[in-house]
Amino acid sequence: TLVQTNQKARRGHTRTATLGLEAVDGAPSLTSTSLAQTGGIALSDAKE
């Protein structure tokens, strides 16, 4: 029972780490989109 408990705990930690990496990987994509939108607005204001 102790061995099974340790294996489940390790699988839980692995899944949490994987979700964390996915969240981190998703952040640059979101940031890049925001920067692109902000840059477009700034260029539009500068042109006006």
All heavy atoms as atom14 arrays in JSON, in Angstrom:
{
  "sequence": "TLVQTNQKARRGHTRTATLGLEAVDGAPSLTSTSLAQTGGIALSDAKE",
  "atom14_mask": [
    [1, 1, 1, 1, 1, 1, 1, 0, 0, 0, 0, 0, 0, 0],
    [1, 1, 1, 1, 1, 1, 1, 1, 0, 0, 0, 0, 0, 0],
    [1, 1, 1, 1, 1, 1, 1, 0, 0, 0, 0, 0, 0, 0],
    [1, 1, 1, 1, 1, 1, 1, 1, 1, 0, 0, 0, 0, 0],
    [1, 1, 1, 1, 1, 1, 1, 0, 0, 0, 0, 0, 0, 0],
    [1, 1, 1, 1, 1, 1, 1, 1, 0, 0, 0, 0, 0, 0],
    [1, 1, 1, 1, 1, 1, 1, 1, 1, 0, 0, 0, 0, 0],
    [1, 1, 1, 1, 1, 1, 1, 1, 1, 0, 0, 0, 0, 0],
    [1, 1, 1, 1, 1, 0, 0, 0, 0, 0, 0, 0, 0, 0],
    [1, 1, 1, 1, 1, 1, 1, 1, 1, 1, 1, 0, 0, 0],
    [1, 1, 1, 1, 1, 1, 1, 1, 1, 1, 1, 0, 0, 0],
    [1, 1, 1, 1, 0, 0, 0, 0, 0, 0, 0, 0, 0, 0],
    [1, 1, 1, 1, 1, 1, 1, 1, 1, 1, 0, 0, 0, 0],
    [1, 1, 1, 1, 1, 1, 1, 0, 0, 0, 0, 0, 0, 0],
    [1, 1, 1, 1, 1, 1, 1, 1, 1, 1, 1, 0, 0, 0],
    [1, 1, 1, 1, 1, 1, 1, 0, 0, 0, 0, 0, 0, 0],
    [1, 1, 1, 1, 1, 0, 0, 0, 0, 0, 0, 0, 0, 0],
    [1, 1, 1, 1, 1, 1, 1, 0, 0, 0, 0, 0, 0, 0],
    [1, 1, 1, 1, 1, 1, 1, 1, 0, 0, 0, 0, 0, 0],
    [1, 1, 1, 1, 0, 0, 0, 0, 0, 0, 0, 0, 0, 0],
    [1, 1, 1, 1, 1, 1, 1, 1, 0, 0, 0, 0, 0, 0],
    [1, 1, 1, 1, 1, 1, 1, 1, 1, 0, 0, 0, 0, 0],
    [1, 1, 1, 1, 1, 0, 0, 0, 0, 0, 0, 0, 0, 0],
    [1, 1, 1, 1, 1, 1, 1, 0, 0, 0, 0, 0, 0, 0],
    [1, 1, 1, 1, 1, 1, 1, 1, 0, 0, 0, 0, 0, 0],
    [1, 1, 1, 1, 0, 0, 0, 0, 0, 0, 0, 0, 0, 0],
    [1, 1, 1, 1, 1, 0, 0, 0, 0, 0, 0, 0, 0, 0],
    [1, 1, 1, 1, 1, 1, 1, 0, 0, 0, 0, 0, 0, 0],
    [1, 1, 1, 1, 1, 1, 0, 0, 0, 0, 0, 0, 0, 0],
    [1, 1, 1, 1, 1, 1, 1, 1, 0, 0, 0, 0, 0, 0],
    [1, 1, 1, 1, 1, 1, 1, 0, 0, 0, 0, 0, 0, 0],
    [1, 1, 1, 1, 1, 1, 0, 0, 0, 0, 0, 0, 0, 0],
    [1, 1, 1, 1, 1, 1, 1, 0, 0, 0, 0, 0, 0, 0],
    [1, 1, 1, 1, 1, 1, 0, 0, 0, 0, 0, 0, 0, 0],
    [1, 1, 1, 1, 1, 1, 1, 1, 0, 0, 0, 0, 0, 0],
    [1, 1, 1, 1, 1, 0, 0, 0, 0, 0, 0, 0, 0, 0],
    [1, 1, 1, 1, 1, 1, 1, 1, 1, 0, 0, 0, 0, 0],
    [1, 1, 1, 1, 1, 1, 1, 0, 0, 0, 0, 0, 0, 0],
    [1, 1, 1, 1, 0, 0, 0, 0, 0, 0, 0, 0, 0, 0],
    [1, 1, 1, 1, 0, 0, 0, 0, 0, 0, 0, 0, 0, 0],
    [1, 1, 1, 1, 1, 1, 1, 1, 0, 0, 0, 0, 0, 0],
    [1, 1, 1, 1, 1, 0, 0, 0, 0, 0, 0, 0, 0, 0],
    [1, 1, 1, 1, 1, 1, 1, 1, 0, 0, 0, 0, 0, 0],
    [1, 1, 1, 1, 1, 1, 0, 0, 0, 0, 0, 0, 0, 0],
    [1, 1, 1, 1, 1, 1, 1, 1, 0, 0, 0, 0, 0, 0],
    [1, 1, 1, 1, 1, 0, 0, 0, 0, 0, 0, 0, 0, 0],
    [1, 1, 1, 1, 1, 1, 1, 1, 1, 0, 0, 0, 0, 0],
    [1, 1, 1, 1, 1, 1, 1, 1, 1, 0, 0, 0, 0, 0]
  ],
  "atom14_positions": [
    [[0.83, -1.2, 0.0], [0.0, 0.0, 0.0], [0.86, 1.25, 0.0], [0.57, 2.24, -0.66], [-0.92, 0.0, 1.23], [-1.66, -1.19, 1.24], [-1.84, 1.19, 1.22], [0.0, 0.0, 0.0], [0.0, 0.0, 0.0], [0.0, 0.0, 0.0], [0.0, 0.0, 0.0], [0.0, 0.0, 0.0], [0.0, 0.0, 0.0], [0.0, 0.0, 0.0]],
    [[2.0, 1.19, 0.76], [2.9, 2.34, 0.81], [3.51, 2.63, -0.55], [3.65, 3.77, -0.98], [3.99, 2.06, 1.85], [5.01, 3.18, 2.07], [4.28, 4.44, 2.57], [6.07, 2.75, 3.09], [0.0, 0.0, 0.0], [0.0, 0.0, 0.0], [0.0, 0.0, 0.0], [0.0, 0.0, 0.0], [0.0, 0.0, 0.0], [0.0, 0.0, 0.0]],
    [[3.88, 1.51, -1.28], [4.47, 1.7, -2.62], [3.47, 2.31, -3.57], [3.78, 3.23, -4.35], [4.97, 0.34, -3.16], [5.4, 0.47, -4.62], [6.12, -0.18, -2.32], [0.0, 0.0, 0.0], [0.0, 0.0, 0.0], [0.0, 0.0, 0.0], [0.0, 0.0, 0.0], [0.0, 0.0, 0.0], [0.0, 0.0, 0.0], [0.0, 0.0, 0.0]],
    [[2.23, 1.87, -3.54], [1.2, 2.42, -4.42], [0.94, 3.9, -4.1], [0.75, 4.72, -4.99], [-0.09, 1.62, -4.26], [-0.01, 0.22, -4.83], [-1.27, -0.58, -4.59], [-2.13, -0.16, -3.79], [-1.38, -1.73, -5.26], [0.0, 0.0, 0.0], [0.0, 0.0, 0.0], [0.0, 0.0, 0.0], [0.0, 0.0, 0.0], [0.0, 0.0, 0.0]],
    [[0.98, 4.2, -2.79], [0.76, 5.61, -2.39], [1.86, 6.5, -2.92], [1.62, 7.61, -3.41], [0.69, 5.69, -0.86], [-0.35, 4.83, -0.4], [0.42, 7.12, -0.42], [0.0, 0.0, 0.0], [0.0, 0.0, 0.0], [0.0, 0.0, 0.0], [0.0, 0.0, 0.0], [0.0, 0.0, 0.0], [0.0, 0.0, 0.0], [0.0, 0.0, 0.0]],
    [[3.13, 6.02, -2.85], [4.26, 6.82, -3.35], [4.16, 7.02, -4.85], [4.47, 8.1, -5.39], [5.58, 6.13, -3.0], [5.89, 6.2, -1.51], [5.39, 7.11, -0.84], [6.69, 5.27, -1.0], [0.0, 0.0, 0.0], [0.0, 0.0, 0.0], [0.0, 0.0, 0.0], [0.0, 0.0, 0.0], [0.0, 0.0, 0.0], [0.0, 0.0, 0.0]],
    [[3.75, 5.95, -5.57], [3.62, 6.07, -7.02], [2.54, 7.07, -7.4], [2.7, 7.88, -8.32], [3.29, 4.69, -7.63], [4.46, 3.72, -7.58], [4.09, 2.35, -8.12], [2.89, 2.07, -8.33], [5.11, 1.51, -8.34], [0.0, 0.0, 0.0], [0.0, 0.0, 0.0], [0.0, 0.0, 0.0], [0.0, 0.0, 0.0], [0.0, 0.0, 0.0]],
    [[1.42, 7.05, -6.69], [0.35, 8.03, -6.97], [0.81, 9.44, -6.68], [0.48, 10.39, -7.4], [-0.88, 7.7, -6.12], [-1.6, 6.44, -6.54], [-2.81, 6.2, -5.64], [-3.55, 4.93, -6.08], [-4.74, 4.68, -5.21], [0.0, 0.0, 0.0], [0.0, 0.0, 0.0], [0.0, 0.0, 0.0], [0.0, 0.0, 0.0], [0.0, 0.0, 0.0]],
    [[1.56, 9.59, -5.58], [2.05, 10.94, -5.24], [2.98, 11.46, -6.32], [2.92, 12.63, -6.72], [2.76, 10.89, -3.88], [0.0, 0.0, 0.0], [0.0, 0.0, 0.0], [0.0, 0.0, 0.0], [0.0, 0.0, 0.0], [0.0, 0.0, 0.0], [0.0, 0.0, 0.0], [0.0, 0.0, 0.0], [0.0, 0.0, 0.0], [0.0, 0.0, 0.0]],
    [[3.89, 10.53, -6.82], [4.8, 10.98, -7.87], [4.06, 11.35, -9.15], [4.39, 12.3, -9.84], [5.84, 9.87, -8.15], [6.97, 9.83, -7.12], [8.14, 9.03, -7.67], [7.77, 7.61, -7.78], [7.94, 6.71, -6.81], [8.45, 7.09, -5.64], [7.61, 5.45, -7.01], [0.0, 0.0, 0.0], [0.0, 0.0, 0.0], [0.0, 0.0, 0.0]],
    [[3.0, 10.54, -9.49], [2.21, 10.87, -10.68], [1.5, 12.22, -10.52], [1.38, 13.0, -11.45], [1.19, 9.75, -10.95], [1.81, 8.51, -11.58], [0.73, 7.64, -12.2], [-0.2, 7.14, -11.2], [-0.06, 5.99, -10.54], [1.01, 5.22, -10.77], [-0.97, 5.6, -9.67], [0.0, 0.0, 0.0], [0.0, 0.0, 0.0], [0.0, 0.0, 0.0]],
    [[1.03, 12.5, -9.3], [0.37, 13.79, -9.04], [1.33, 14.95, -9.21], [1.0, 15.97, -9.79], [0.0, 0.0, 0.0], [0.0, 0.0, 0.0], [0.0, 0.0, 0.0], [0.0, 0.0, 0.0], [0.0, 0.0, 0.0], [0.0, 0.0, 0.0], [0.0, 0.0, 0.0], [0.0, 0.0, 0.0], [0.0, 0.0, 0.0], [0.0, 0.0, 0.0]],
    [[2.56, 14.78, -8.68], [3.56, 15.85, -8.83], [3.92, 16.06, -10.29], [4.1, 17.19, -10.75], [4.82, 15.48, -8.03], [4.65, 15.63, -6.54], [4.2, 16.78, -5.94], [4.85, 14.73, -5.52], [4.14, 16.62, -4.62], [4.52, 15.36, -4.34], [0.0, 0.0, 0.0], [0.0, 0.0, 0.0], [0.0, 0.0, 0.0], [0.0, 0.0, 0.0]],
    [[4.04, 14.93, -11.03], [4.38, 15.04, -12.46], [3.29, 15.78, -13.22], [3.57, 16.63, -14.08], [4.58, 13.64, -13.06], [5.6, 12.96, -12.32], [4.97, 13.74, -14.53], [0.0, 0.0, 0.0], [0.0, 0.0, 0.0], [0.0, 0.0, 0.0], [0.0, 0.0, 0.0], [0.0, 0.0, 0.0], [0.0, 0.0, 0.0], [0.0, 0.0, 0.0]],
    [[2.02, 15.46, -12.92], [0.89, 16.12, -13.61], [0.85, 17.61, -13.27], [0.62, 18.46, -14.13], [-0.42, 15.44, -13.2], [-1.63, 16.07, -13.87], [-2.89, 15.29, -13.53], [-4.05, 15.93, -14.1], [-4.4, 15.86, -15.38], [-3.65, 15.14, -16.22], [-5.49, 16.45, -15.82], [0.0, 0.0, 0.0], [0.0, 0.0, 0.0], [0.0, 0.0, 0.0]],
    [[1.13, 17.93, -11.99], [1.14, 19.34, -11.57], [2.25, 20.11, -12.29], [2.07, 21.23, -12.76], [1.33, 19.44, -10.05], [0.28, 18.71, -9.43], [1.3, 20.89, -9.6], [0.0, 0.0, 0.0], [0.0, 0.0, 0.0], [0.0, 0.0, 0.0], [0.0, 0.0, 0.0], [0.0, 0.0, 0.0], [0.0, 0.0, 0.0], [0.0, 0.0, 0.0]],
    [[3.43, 19.48, -12.37], [4.56, 20.13, -13.06], [4.26, 20.33, -14.54], [4.6, 21.36, -15.13], [5.83, 19.28, -12.89], [0.0, 0.0, 0.0], [0.0, 0.0, 0.0], [0.0, 0.0, 0.0], [0.0, 0.0, 0.0], [0.0, 0.0, 0.0], [0.0, 0.0, 0.0], [0.0, 0.0, 0.0], [0.0, 0.0, 0.0], [0.0, 0.0, 0.0]],
    [[3.59, 19.31, -15.13], [3.23, 19.42, -16.55], [2.25, 20.56, -16.79], [2.4, 21.35, -17.72], [2.61, 18.11, -17.04], [3.53, 17.05, -16.82], [2.27, 18.19, -18.53], [0.0, 0.0, 0.0], [0.0, 0.0, 0.0], [0.0, 0.0, 0.0], [0.0, 0.0, 0.0], [0.0, 0.0, 0.0], [0.0, 0.0, 0.0], [0.0, 0.0, 0.0]],
    [[1.24, 20.66, -15.92], [0.28, 21.77, -16.03], [0.97, 23.11, -15.84], [0.65, 24.09, -16.49], [-0.83, 21.58, -15.0], [-1.79, 20.41, -15.25], [-2.75, 20.26, -14.07], [-2.56, 20.62, -16.54], [0.0, 0.0, 0.0], [0.0, 0.0, 0.0], [0.0, 0.0, 0.0], [0.0, 0.0, 0.0], [0.0, 0.0, 0.0], [0.0, 0.0, 0.0]],
    [[1.95, 23.13, -14.91], [2.68, 24.38, -14.67], [3.46, 24.8, -15.9], [3.51, 25.97, -16.27], [0.0, 0.0, 0.0], [0.0, 0.0, 0.0], [0.0, 0.0, 0.0], [0.0, 0.0, 0.0], [0.0, 0.0, 0.0], [0.0, 0.0, 0.0], [0.0, 0.0, 0.0], [0.0, 0.0, 0.0], [0.0, 0.0, 0.0], [0.0, 0.0, 0.0]],
    [[4.1, 23.8, -16.55], [4.85, 24.12, -17.77], [3.95, 24.58, -18.88], [4.29, 25.48, -19.65], [5.64, 22.87, -18.21], [6.86, 22.5, -17.35], [7.45, 21.19, -17.82], [7.9, 23.61, -17.39], [0.0, 0.0, 0.0], [0.0, 0.0, 0.0], [0.0, 0.0, 0.0], [0.0, 0.0, 0.0], [0.0, 0.0, 0.0], [0.0, 0.0, 0.0]],
    [[2.76, 23.97, -18.98], [1.82, 24.4, -20.0], [1.36, 25.82, -19.75], [1.21, 26.62, -20.68], [0.6, 23.46, -20.02], [0.93, 22.08, -20.56], [-0.26, 21.15, -20.46], [-1.28, 21.57, -19.86], [-0.18, 20.03, -20.99], [0.0, 0.0, 0.0], [0.0, 0.0, 0.0], [0.0, 0.0, 0.0], [0.0, 0.0, 0.0], [0.0, 0.0, 0.0]],
    [[1.16, 26.15, -18.47], [0.75, 27.52, -18.15], [1.86, 28.5, -18.48], [1.62, 29.58, -19.02], [0.39, 27.61, -16.65], [0.0, 0.0, 0.0], [0.0, 0.0, 0.0], [0.0, 0.0, 0.0], [0.0, 0.0, 0.0], [0.0, 0.0, 0.0], [0.0, 0.0, 0.0], [0.0, 0.0, 0.0], [0.0, 0.0, 0.0], [0.0, 0.0, 0.0]],
    [[3.11, 28.09, -18.17], [4.23, 28.98, -18.48], [4.4, 29.11, -19.98], [4.65, 30.18, -20.52], [5.53, 28.45, -17.82], [6.73, 29.23, -18.31], [5.4, 28.51, -16.31], [0.0, 0.0, 0.0], [0.0, 0.0, 0.0], [0.0, 0.0, 0.0], [0.0, 0.0, 0.0], [0.0, 0.0, 0.0], [0.0, 0.0, 0.0], [0.0, 0.0, 0.0]],
    [[4.25, 27.96, -20.68], [4.38, 28.02, -22.14], [3.29, 28.88, -22.75], [3.51, 29.54, -23.77], [4.29, 26.6, -22.72], [5.54, 25.8, -22.4], [6.58, 26.44, -22.1], [5.46, 24.56, -22.45], [0.0, 0.0, 0.0], [0.0, 0.0, 0.0], [0.0, 0.0, 0.0], [0.0, 0.0, 0.0], [0.0, 0.0, 0.0], [0.0, 0.0, 0.0]],
    [[2.11, 28.92, -22.21], [1.01, 29.71, -22.74], [1.16, 31.18, -22.49], [0.62, 32.02, -23.2], [0.0, 0.0, 0.0], [0.0, 0.0, 0.0], [0.0, 0.0, 0.0], [0.0, 0.0, 0.0], [0.0, 0.0, 0.0], [0.0, 0.0, 0.0], [0.0, 0.0, 0.0], [0.0, 0.0, 0.0], [0.0, 0.0, 0.0], [0.0, 0.0, 0.0]],
    [[1.93, 31.53, -21.44], [2.06, 32.94, -21.07], [2.73, 33.77, -22.15], [2.25, 34.85, -22.49], [2.81, 33.07, -19.75], [0.0, 0.0, 0.0], [0.0, 0.0, 0.0], [0.0, 0.0, 0.0], [0.0, 0.0, 0.0], [0.0, 0.0, 0.0], [0.0, 0.0, 0.0], [0.0, 0.0, 0.0], [0.0, 0.0, 0.0], [0.0, 0.0, 0.0]],
    [[3.87, 33.34, -22.75], [4.46, 34.15, -23.81], [3.54, 34.39, -24.98], [3.53, 35.46, -25.57], [5.69, 33.34, -24.23], [6.01, 32.48, -23.07], [4.68, 32.15, -22.45], [0.0, 0.0, 0.0], [0.0, 0.0, 0.0], [0.0, 0.0, 0.0], [0.0, 0.0, 0.0], [0.0, 0.0, 0.0], [0.0, 0.0, 0.0], [0.0, 0.0, 0.0]],
    [[2.73, 33.4, -25.32], [1.8, 33.57, -26.43], [0.82, 34.67, -26.13], [0.54, 35.53, -26.96], [1.08, 32.25, -26.7], [0.12, 32.42, -27.72], [0.0, 0.0, 0.0], [0.0, 0.0, 0.0], [0.0, 0.0, 0.0], [0.0, 0.0, 0.0], [0.0, 0.0, 0.0], [0.0, 0.0, 0.0], [0.0, 0.0, 0.0], [0.0, 0.0, 0.0]],
    [[0.28, 34.66, -24.89], [-0.66, 35.69, -24.49], [0.01, 37.06, -24.43], [-0.52, 38.07, -24.89], [-1.27, 35.34, -23.12], [-2.29, 36.32, -22.54], [-3.47, 36.44, -23.51], [-2.76, 35.87, -21.17], [0.0, 0.0, 0.0], [0.0, 0.0, 0.0], [0.0, 0.0, 0.0], [0.0, 0.0, 0.0], [0.0, 0.0, 0.0], [0.0, 0.0, 0.0]],
    [[1.25, 37.09, -23.9], [1.99, 38.35, -23.8], [2.3, 38.9, -25.18], [2.2, 40.1, -25.43], [3.29, 38.13, -23.01], [2.96, 37.56, -21.74], [4.05, 39.43, -22.81], [0.0, 0.0, 0.0], [0.0, 0.0, 0.0], [0.0, 0.0, 0.0], [0.0, 0.0, 0.0], [0.0, 0.0, 0.0], [0.0, 0.0, 0.0], [0.0, 0.0, 0.0]],
    [[2.71, 38.05, -26.1], [3.03, 38.5, -27.45], [1.82, 39.1, -28.14], [1.9, 40.13, -28.81], [3.56, 37.32, -28.28], [4.72, 36.79, -27.7], [0.0, 0.0, 0.0], [0.0, 0.0, 0.0], [0.0, 0.0, 0.0], [0.0, 0.0, 0.0], [0.0, 0.0, 0.0], [0.0, 0.0, 0.0], [0.0, 0.0, 0.0], [0.0, 0.0, 0.0]],
    [[0.66, 38.49, -27.93], [-0.57, 39.02, -28.53], [-0.89, 40.39, -27.96], [-1.24, 41.32, -28.7], [-1.73, 38.05, -28.26], [-1.4, 36.78, -28.78], [-3.0, 38.56, -28.92], [0.0, 0.0, 0.0], [0.0, 0.0, 0.0], [0.0, 0.0, 0.0], [0.0, 0.0, 0.0], [0.0, 0.0, 0.0], [0.0, 0.0, 0.0], [0.0, 0.0, 0.0]],
    [[-0.74, 40.51, -26.64], [-1.03, 41.81, -26.0], [-0.08, 42.87, -26.49], [-0.48, 44.01, -26.78], [-0.94, 41.67, -24.48], [-1.84, 40.7, -24.01], [0.0, 0.0, 0.0], [0.0, 0.0, 0.0], [0.0, 0.0, 0.0], [0.0, 0.0, 0.0], [0.0, 0.0, 0.0], [0.0, 0.0, 0.0], [0.0, 0.0, 0.0], [0.0, 0.0, 0.0]],
    [[1.22, 42.51, -26.6], [2.2, 43.49, -27.09], [1.92, 43.89, -28.52], [2.08, 45.07, -28.89], [3.61, 42.9, -26.98], [4.18, 42.76, -25.56], [5.52, 42.05, -25.6], [4.32, 44.13, -24.91], [0.0, 0.0, 0.0], [0.0, 0.0, 0.0], [0.0, 0.0, 0.0], [0.0, 0.0, 0.0], [0.0, 0.0, 0.0], [0.0, 0.0, 0.0]],
    [[1.51, 42.92, -29.33], [1.2, 43.24, -30.73], [0.02, 44.2, -30.82], [0.04, 45.17, -31.59], [0.9, 41.96, -31.5], [0.0, 0.0, 0.0], [0.0, 0.0, 0.0], [0.0, 0.0, 0.0], [0.0, 0.0, 0.0], [0.0, 0.0, 0.0], [0.0, 0.0, 0.0], [0.0, 0.0, 0.0], [0.0, 0.0, 0.0], [0.0, 0.0, 0.0]],
    [[-1.01, 43.94, -29.98], [-2.16, 44.84, -29.98], [-1.78, 46.22, -29.49], [-2.18, 47.24, -30.05], [-3.26, 44.25, -29.1], [-3.88, 42.98, -29.67], [-4.88, 42.37, -28.72], [-4.96, 42.75, -27.56], [-5.65, 41.4, -29.22], [0.0, 0.0, 0.0], [0.0, 0.0, 0.0], [0.0, 0.0, 0.0], [0.0, 0.0, 0.0], [0.0, 0.0, 0.0]],
    [[-0.97, 46.28, -28.4], [-0.54, 47.57, -27.86], [0.31, 48.33, -28.88], [0.18, 49.54, -29.06], [0.26, 47.36, -26.57], [-0.54, 46.6, -25.66], [0.64, 48.69, -25.93], [0.0, 0.0, 0.0], [0.0, 0.0, 0.0], [0.0, 0.0, 0.0], [0.0, 0.0, 0.0], [0.0, 0.0, 0.0], [0.0, 0.0, 0.0], [0.0, 0.0, 0.0]],
    [[1.21, 47.59, -29.55], [2.05, 48.24, -30.55], [1.24, 48.78, -31.71], [1.52, 49.86, -32.23], [0.0, 0.0, 0.0], [0.0, 0.0, 0.0], [0.0, 0.0, 0.0], [0.0, 0.0, 0.0], [0.0, 0.0, 0.0], [0.0, 0.0, 0.0], [0.0, 0.0, 0.0], [0.0, 0.0, 0.0], [0.0, 0.0, 0.0], [0.0, 0.0, 0.0]],
    [[0.21, 48.04, -32.11], [-0.65, 48.51, -33.2], [-1.38, 49.78, -32.83], [-1.49, 50.72, -33.63], [0.0, 0.0, 0.0], [0.0, 0.0, 0.0], [0.0, 0.0, 0.0], [0.0, 0.0, 0.0], [0.0, 0.0, 0.0], [0.0, 0.0, 0.0], [0.0, 0.0, 0.0], [0.0, 0.0, 0.0], [0.0, 0.0, 0.0], [0.0, 0.0, 0.0]],
    [[-1.87, 49.84, -31.58], [-2.55, 51.06, -31.11], [-1.6, 52.23, -31.05], [-1.92, 53.35, -31.45], [-3.18, 50.8, -29.72], [-4.29, 49.75, -29.84], [-3.74, 52.08, -29.13], [-4.84, 49.3, -28.5], [0.0, 0.0, 0.0], [0.0, 0.0, 0.0], [0.0, 0.0, 0.0], [0.0, 0.0, 0.0], [0.0, 0.0, 0.0], [0.0, 0.0, 0.0]],
    [[-0.37, 51.98, -30.56], [0.63, 53.06, -30.47], [0.98, 53.59, -31.85], [1.1, 54.81, -32.06], [1.88, 52.55, -29.76], [0.0, 0.0, 0.0], [0.0, 0.0, 0.0], [0.0, 0.0, 0.0], [0.0, 0.0, 0.0], [0.0, 0.0, 0.0], [0.0, 0.0, 0.0], [0.0, 0.0, 0.0], [0.0, 0.0, 0.0], [0.0, 0.0, 0.0]],
    [[1.17, 52.68, -32.83], [1.5, 53.12, -34.18], [0.35, 53.92, -34.79], [0.57, 54.91, -35.49], [1.82, 51.91, -35.06], [3.14, 51.2, -34.77], [3.26, 49.94, -35.61], [4.32, 52.13, -35.04], [0.0, 0.0, 0.0], [0.0, 0.0, 0.0], [0.0, 0.0, 0.0], [0.0, 0.0, 0.0], [0.0, 0.0, 0.0], [0.0, 0.0, 0.0]],
    [[-0.88, 53.49, -34.51], [-2.04, 54.22, -35.02], [-2.12, 55.62, -34.43], [-2.36, 56.6, -35.13], [-3.32, 53.44, -34.69], [-4.45, 54.15, -35.13], [0.0, 0.0, 0.0], [0.0, 0.0, 0.0], [0.0, 0.0, 0.0], [0.0, 0.0, 0.0], [0.0, 0.0, 0.0], [0.0, 0.0, 0.0], [0.0, 0.0, 0.0], [0.0, 0.0, 0.0]],
    [[-1.87, 55.73, -33.1], [-1.88, 57.05, -32.45], [-0.76, 57.93, -33.0], [-0.96, 59.13, -33.22], [-1.72, 56.89, -30.93], [-2.95, 56.24, -30.31], [-4.01, 56.25, -30.97], [-2.84, 55.74, -29.18], [0.0, 0.0, 0.0], [0.0, 0.0, 0.0], [0.0, 0.0, 0.0], [0.0, 0.0, 0.0], [0.0, 0.0, 0.0], [0.0, 0.0, 0.0]],
    [[0.41, 57.35, -33.21], [1.54, 58.13, -33.74], [1.23, 58.64, -35.14], [1.56, 59.77, -35.5], [2.81, 57.28, -33.76], [0.0, 0.0, 0.0], [0.0, 0.0, 0.0], [0.0, 0.0, 0.0], [0.0, 0.0, 0.0], [0.0, 0.0, 0.0], [0.0, 0.0, 0.0], [0.0, 0.0, 0.0], [0.0, 0.0, 0.0], [0.0, 0.0, 0.0]],
    [[0.58, 57.81, -35.96], [0.22, 58.22, -37.32], [-0.78, 59.36, -37.28], [-0.69, 60.32, -38.06], [-0.34, 57.04, -38.09], [-0.63, 57.35, -39.56], [-1.1, 56.12, -40.29], [-1.3, 56.42, -41.78], [-2.27, 57.5, -41.99], [0.0, 0.0, 0.0], [0.0, 0.0, 0.0], [0.0, 0.0, 0.0], [0.0, 0.0, 0.0], [0.0, 0.0, 0.0]],
    [[-1.76, 59.29, -36.36], [-2.75, 60.36, -36.25], [-2.09, 61.66, -35.82], [-2.41, 62.73, -36.33], [-3.83, 59.96, -35.24], [-4.75, 58.84, -35.75], [-5.79, 58.46, -34.72], [-5.78, 59.06, -33.63], [-6.61, 57.57, -35.01], [0.0, 0.0, 0.0], [0.0, 0.0, 0.0], [0.0, 0.0, 0.0], [0.0, 0.0, 0.0], [0.0, 0.0, 0.0]]
  ]
}
